[in-house]
Amino acid sequence: MDEGYASLPTSHLLGSVPAVAVAPDERKPGAPAEVGNAAATSRLQQFPPAPAANGGGYQPPGSPLGGDVETQTNWKGYFNVASYTPYFNVDTDVVVDRLISSVYPMEGFFRKIDVNPDMYGPLWITTTLIFMLAAFGNFATYLMQRKSDLNIWNFDVSYFSLAASVMYGYAIVVPAAFFFLFQYFGSRPSLIRFWCMWGYSLFIFVPASILLLIPVEFLRWVIIAGAGGASSWFIFLNLKECTEGADMMALIASASVLQFALALFIKVFFFA
């Protein structure tokens, strides 16, 4: 028996080894994390929200410029506060950088928000502007009338309700309207990016409202014209960038004119 086994070729002995002796497949330690990160990244590229892997939650905003957007929607996510968390996941440095870019629109604001658009900045810009228009509008009227007759001046509380209605309505409705118009004419914009861009476009009216306290009517018109022109140019450049390659000049010009009309509204109704 020993001699028989000894005479067998070595290759035959190796071939008789059971398959179970082969070492199990080695898994890459980073694979599960990479898959998870890829899934999370894909969920951060969608708007409106679609069902996540766990069956709930939002899939925040649209894909990068020119990317495909999934059409799945989970309406239950609209009532989940945690679903809106990704839109507020920004730090102070990011918000400050975007505020500066909204004043200097040549820095490519739309490219900065392409990956991570936020609603934190637009929310607080709009809310701050509402309080400043209500307070400074009354104070500007006082400064203009104190030299003539203070008895005809009273603090107008309606300034606050008017500012809130107009500013919140403008920041929500106008971007949504242009979003659907751009889609109708063949473009593929992102609603969350439009909200983000229009919200930051209102920032320039915050310092302008302080300068409008100057009790000189001519300077007030110069200030509001400059602020309105800069804000309109900001909208024009970013809409042109996000619709690159598409003939949307009529819609882009309409959005710019509407932005300048908002500046005139601020002057006429709050700093007359």
Protein backbone atom coordinates (compact mmCIF):
# COMPACT_ATOMS: atom_id res chain seq x y z
CA MET A 1 0.00 0.00 0.00
CA ASP A 2 2.74 2.51 0.84
CA GLU A 3 4.57 1.74 -2.39
CA GLY A 4 1.32 2.18 -4.36
CA TYR A 5 0.73 5.56 -2.95
CA ALA A 6 4.32 6.53 -3.45
CA SER A 7 4.10 5.68 -7.11
CA LEU A 8 1.22 8.03 -7.71
CA PRO A 9 2.13 11.32 -9.45
CA THR A 10 2.29 14.42 -7.35
CA SER A 11 -0.25 16.17 -9.60
CA HIS A 12 -2.72 13.36 -8.91
CA LEU A 13 -2.38 13.84 -5.18
CA LEU A 14 -2.93 17.56 -5.50
CA GLY A 15 -5.93 17.05 -7.67
CA SER A 16 -7.56 14.87 -5.02
CA VAL A 17 -7.60 17.65 -2.46
CA PRO A 18 -11.24 18.48 -1.60
CA ALA A 19 -12.63 21.78 -2.80
CA VAL A 20 -13.39 22.81 0.73
CA ALA A 21 -9.70 23.15 1.36
CA VAL A 22 -9.55 26.18 -0.89
CA ALA A 23 -9.34 29.40 1.13
CA PRO A 24 -12.65 31.34 1.21
CA ASP A 25 -13.01 34.50 -0.84
CA GLU A 26 -11.40 37.43 0.82
CA ARG A 27 -13.65 40.43 1.02
CA LYS A 28 -12.27 43.91 0.67
CA PRO A 29 -12.69 45.63 4.01
CA GLY A 30 -13.72 48.91 2.43
CA ALA A 31 -16.36 47.50 0.05
CA PRO A 32 -19.46 47.80 2.30
CA ALA A 33 -18.56 51.39 3.24
CA GLU A 34 -17.94 52.28 -0.38
CA VAL A 35 -21.29 50.83 -1.43
CA GLY A 36 -22.99 52.69 1.40
CA ASN A 37 -21.30 55.94 0.47
CA ALA A 38 -22.26 55.49 -3.18
CA ALA A 39 -25.88 54.87 -2.20
CA ALA A 40 -25.88 57.91 0.07
CA THR A 41 -24.36 60.03 -2.68
CA SER A 42 -27.00 58.90 -5.15
CA ARG A 43 -29.72 59.79 -2.66
CA LEU A 44 -28.20 63.27 -2.33
CA GLN A 45 -28.61 63.79 -6.05
CA GLN A 46 -32.39 63.51 -6.25
CA PHE A 47 -35.28 65.93 -5.94
CA PRO A 48 -38.22 65.47 -5.45
CA PRO A 49 -37.53 62.84 -2.79
CA ALA A 50 -37.70 59.15 -3.65
CA PRO A 51 -37.83 56.15 -1.31
CA ALA A 52 -34.50 55.42 0.34
CA ALA A 53 -33.15 51.98 1.10
CA ASN A 54 -34.93 51.93 4.43
CA GLY A 55 -38.26 52.86 2.83
CA GLY A 56 -38.50 56.48 3.87
CA GLY A 57 -36.93 59.90 3.74
CA TYR A 58 -36.09 62.36 1.04
CA GLN A 59 -33.55 62.10 -1.72
CA PRO A 60 -32.20 65.63 -1.87
CA PRO A 61 -31.61 67.73 -4.85
CA GLY A 62 -31.17 66.96 -8.50
CA SER A 63 -28.18 65.53 -10.25
CA PRO A 64 -25.28 67.69 -11.41
CA LEU A 65 -25.77 69.80 -14.49
CA GLY A 66 -26.96 67.66 -17.38
CA GLY A 67 -27.47 64.55 -15.24
CA ASP A 68 -30.50 62.30 -15.20
CA VAL A 69 -33.12 62.69 -12.51
CA GLU A 70 -35.16 59.78 -11.21
CA THR A 71 -38.92 60.24 -11.12
CA GLN A 72 -39.76 58.17 -8.04
CA THR A 73 -41.56 60.04 -5.31
CA ASN A 74 -42.41 59.24 -1.73
CA TRP A 75 -45.01 61.76 -0.63
CA LYS A 76 -44.81 60.64 2.99
CA GLY A 77 -41.33 62.15 3.10
CA TYR A 78 -42.76 65.65 2.77
CA PHE A 79 -44.12 65.37 6.31
CA ASN A 80 -40.90 64.03 7.82
CA VAL A 81 -38.80 66.82 9.32
CA ALA A 82 -35.67 64.68 9.20
CA SER A 83 -36.02 64.50 5.43
CA TYR A 84 -35.07 68.17 5.12
CA THR A 85 -31.85 67.81 7.11
CA PRO A 86 -29.52 67.51 4.07
CA TYR A 87 -30.64 70.94 2.86
CA PHE A 88 -29.38 72.54 6.07
CA ASN A 89 -26.12 70.59 6.26
CA VAL A 90 -23.81 73.57 5.68
CA ASP A 91 -21.33 75.36 7.92
CA THR A 92 -20.66 79.05 8.37
CA ASP A 93 -17.75 79.16 5.94
CA VAL A 94 -19.86 77.72 3.13
CA VAL A 95 -22.72 80.16 3.72
CA VAL A 96 -20.37 83.16 3.92
CA ASP A 97 -18.65 82.10 0.71
CA ARG A 98 -22.01 81.88 -1.04
CA LEU A 99 -23.08 85.25 0.30
CA ILE A 100 -19.93 86.80 -1.14
CA SER A 101 -20.51 85.05 -4.46
CA SER A 102 -24.05 86.44 -4.60
CA VAL A 103 -22.61 89.96 -4.46
CA TYR A 104 -19.83 89.12 -6.95
CA PRO A 105 -21.73 86.90 -9.41
CA MET A 106 -18.72 86.44 -11.69
CA GLU A 107 -17.42 83.75 -9.30
CA GLY A 108 -19.74 81.07 -10.66
CA PHE A 109 -22.31 80.74 -7.90
CA PHE A 110 -24.34 78.05 -9.65
CA ARG A 111 -21.33 75.76 -9.86
CA LYS A 112 -20.73 76.17 -6.13
CA ILE A 113 -24.21 74.93 -5.23
CA ASP A 114 -24.23 72.18 -7.86
CA VAL A 115 -23.20 69.43 -5.45
CA ASN A 116 -24.66 70.73 -2.19
CA PRO A 117 -27.44 73.32 -2.56
CA ASP A 118 -28.77 74.53 0.78
CA MET A 119 -31.90 76.16 2.13
CA TYR A 120 -30.32 77.47 5.32
CA GLY A 121 -28.94 80.61 3.69
CA PRO A 122 -32.08 81.45 1.66
CA LEU A 123 -34.34 80.96 4.69
CA TRP A 124 -32.39 83.31 6.94
CA ILE A 125 -31.69 85.84 4.18
CA THR A 126 -35.40 86.13 3.41
CA THR A 127 -36.42 86.28 7.07
CA THR A 128 -33.78 88.90 7.88
CA LEU A 129 -34.82 90.99 4.90
CA ILE A 130 -38.45 90.91 6.03
CA PHE A 131 -37.63 92.32 9.47
CA MET A 132 -35.26 94.91 8.02
CA LEU A 133 -37.78 96.14 5.47
CA ALA A 134 -40.49 96.45 8.13
CA ALA A 135 -38.27 98.23 10.66
CA PHE A 136 -36.14 100.36 8.34
CA GLY A 137 -39.08 101.21 6.13
CA ASN A 138 -40.84 102.84 9.07
CA PHE A 139 -37.65 104.51 10.25
CA ALA A 140 -36.90 105.87 6.77
CA THR A 141 -40.38 107.38 6.60
CA TYR A 142 -39.79 109.00 9.99
CA LEU A 143 -36.50 110.51 8.84
CA MET A 144 -38.13 111.96 5.75
CA GLN A 145 -41.10 113.48 7.62
CA ARG A 146 -39.57 114.65 10.89
CA LYS A 147 -38.53 117.97 9.35
CA SER A 148 -42.04 118.74 8.20
CA ASP A 149 -44.61 117.42 10.63
CA LEU A 150 -44.12 114.48 13.01
CA ASN A 151 -47.82 114.45 13.83
CA ILE A 152 -48.63 112.87 10.47
CA TRP A 153 -46.27 109.94 11.04
CA ASN A 154 -47.21 106.70 12.79
CA PHE A 155 -45.47 103.36 12.99
CA ASP A 156 -47.08 101.20 10.30
CA VAL A 157 -47.33 97.59 11.51
CA SER A 158 -48.67 96.51 8.13
CA TYR A 159 -45.13 96.84 6.76
CA PHE A 160 -44.28 93.54 8.41
CA SER A 161 -47.20 91.54 6.95
CA LEU A 162 -46.60 93.09 3.53
CA ALA A 163 -42.87 92.29 3.63
CA ALA A 164 -43.50 88.72 4.81
CA SER A 165 -46.13 88.04 2.14
CA VAL A 166 -44.08 89.48 -0.71
CA MET A 167 -40.64 88.15 0.24
CA TYR A 168 -41.66 84.62 1.20
CA GLY A 169 -44.05 84.45 -1.75
CA TYR A 170 -41.40 85.68 -4.17
CA ALA A 171 -38.67 83.37 -2.85
CA ILE A 172 -40.94 80.31 -3.14
CA VAL A 173 -43.32 80.91 -6.03
CA VAL A 174 -41.06 82.62 -8.58
CA PRO A 175 -38.31 79.94 -8.61
CA ALA A 176 -40.97 77.22 -8.77
CA ALA A 177 -42.71 78.96 -11.68
CA PHE A 178 -39.50 79.29 -13.67
CA PHE A 179 -38.61 75.70 -12.83
CA PHE A 180 -41.77 74.46 -14.55
CA LEU A 181 -41.32 76.90 -17.44
CA PHE A 182 -37.77 75.71 -18.06
CA GLN A 183 -38.93 72.11 -17.95
CA TYR A 184 -41.76 72.86 -20.37
CA PHE A 185 -39.30 74.30 -22.90
CA GLY A 186 -36.99 71.30 -22.72
CA SER A 187 -34.47 72.14 -20.02
CA ARG A 188 -33.79 69.93 -16.98
CA PRO A 189 -33.28 72.31 -14.06
CA SER A 190 -33.29 71.50 -10.36
CA LEU A 191 -36.02 73.04 -8.23
CA ILE A 192 -33.92 73.01 -5.05
CA ARG A 193 -31.08 74.80 -6.85
CA PHE A 194 -33.50 77.42 -8.14
CA TRP A 195 -34.77 78.02 -4.61
CA CYS A 196 -31.22 78.23 -3.35
CA MET A 197 -30.11 80.63 -6.09
CA TRP A 198 -33.11 82.95 -5.79
CA GLY A 199 -32.79 82.99 -2.01
CA TYR A 200 -29.18 84.12 -2.15
CA SER A 201 -30.05 86.68 -4.83
CA LEU A 202 -32.02 88.59 -2.16
CA PHE A 203 -28.98 89.08 0.05
CA ILE A 204 -27.87 92.28 -1.68
CA PHE A 205 -31.11 93.96 -0.56
CA VAL A 206 -30.09 93.49 3.08
CA PRO A 207 -27.21 96.04 3.04
CA ALA A 208 -29.18 98.12 0.52
CA SER A 209 -32.05 98.48 3.00
CA ILE A 210 -29.60 99.99 5.50
CA LEU A 211 -28.32 102.50 2.95
CA LEU A 212 -31.89 103.40 2.05
CA LEU A 213 -32.17 105.06 5.46
CA ILE A 214 -30.32 108.04 3.96
CA PRO A 215 -32.99 110.77 3.84
CA VAL A 216 -32.07 111.88 0.31
CA GLU A 217 -34.52 110.71 -2.32
CA PHE A 218 -32.10 110.84 -5.24
CA LEU A 219 -29.53 108.71 -3.42
CA ARG A 220 -32.23 106.23 -2.49
CA TRP A 221 -33.10 105.73 -6.15
CA VAL A 222 -29.44 105.30 -7.03
CA ILE A 223 -28.98 102.73 -4.25
CA ILE A 224 -32.03 100.66 -5.15
CA ALA A 225 -31.20 100.80 -8.85
CA GLY A 226 -27.69 99.53 -8.14
CA ALA A 227 -28.94 96.75 -5.86
CA GLY A 228 -31.65 95.74 -8.33
CA GLY A 229 -29.21 95.76 -11.23
CA ALA A 230 -26.67 93.61 -9.37
CA SER A 231 -29.35 91.14 -8.26
CA SER A 232 -30.76 90.92 -11.80
CA TRP A 233 -27.30 90.33 -13.22
CA PHE A 234 -26.75 87.57 -10.67
CA ILE A 235 -29.94 85.83 -11.79
CA PHE A 236 -29.08 86.32 -15.46
CA LEU A 237 -25.58 84.82 -15.22
CA ASN A 238 -26.60 81.80 -13.19
CA LEU A 239 -29.65 80.95 -15.27
CA LYS A 240 -27.54 81.25 -18.39
CA GLU A 241 -24.99 78.89 -16.87
CA CYS A 242 -27.50 76.26 -15.78
CA THR A 243 -29.16 76.27 -19.24
CA GLU A 244 -25.92 76.23 -21.20
CA GLY A 245 -26.53 74.91 -24.71
CA ALA A 246 -30.28 75.65 -24.65
CA ASP A 247 -32.01 78.64 -26.20
CA MET A 248 -33.76 80.05 -23.10
CA MET A 249 -32.79 83.71 -23.44
CA ALA A 250 -36.40 84.93 -23.30
CA LEU A 251 -37.02 83.19 -19.96
CA ILE A 252 -33.68 84.31 -18.57
CA ALA A 253 -34.37 87.93 -19.52
CA SER A 254 -37.86 87.69 -17.98
CA ALA A 255 -36.41 86.44 -14.70
CA SER A 256 -33.89 89.30 -14.64
CA VAL A 257 -36.58 91.91 -15.30
CA LEU A 258 -38.76 90.42 -12.57
CA GLN A 259 -35.84 90.62 -10.14
CA PHE A 260 -35.34 94.30 -10.93
CA ALA A 261 -39.09 94.85 -10.52
CA LEU A 262 -38.76 93.47 -6.99
CA ALA A 263 -36.15 96.13 -6.24
CA LEU A 264 -38.51 98.86 -7.45
CA PHE A 265 -41.29 97.38 -5.31
CA ILE A 266 -39.06 97.58 -2.23
CA LYS A 267 -38.32 101.23 -2.90
CA VAL A 268 -41.88 102.30 -3.66
CA PHE A 269 -43.68 100.43 -0.88
CA PHE A 270 -41.16 100.58 1.96
CA PHE A 271 -38.93 103.61 1.33
CA ALA A 272 -41.21 106.07 -0.43
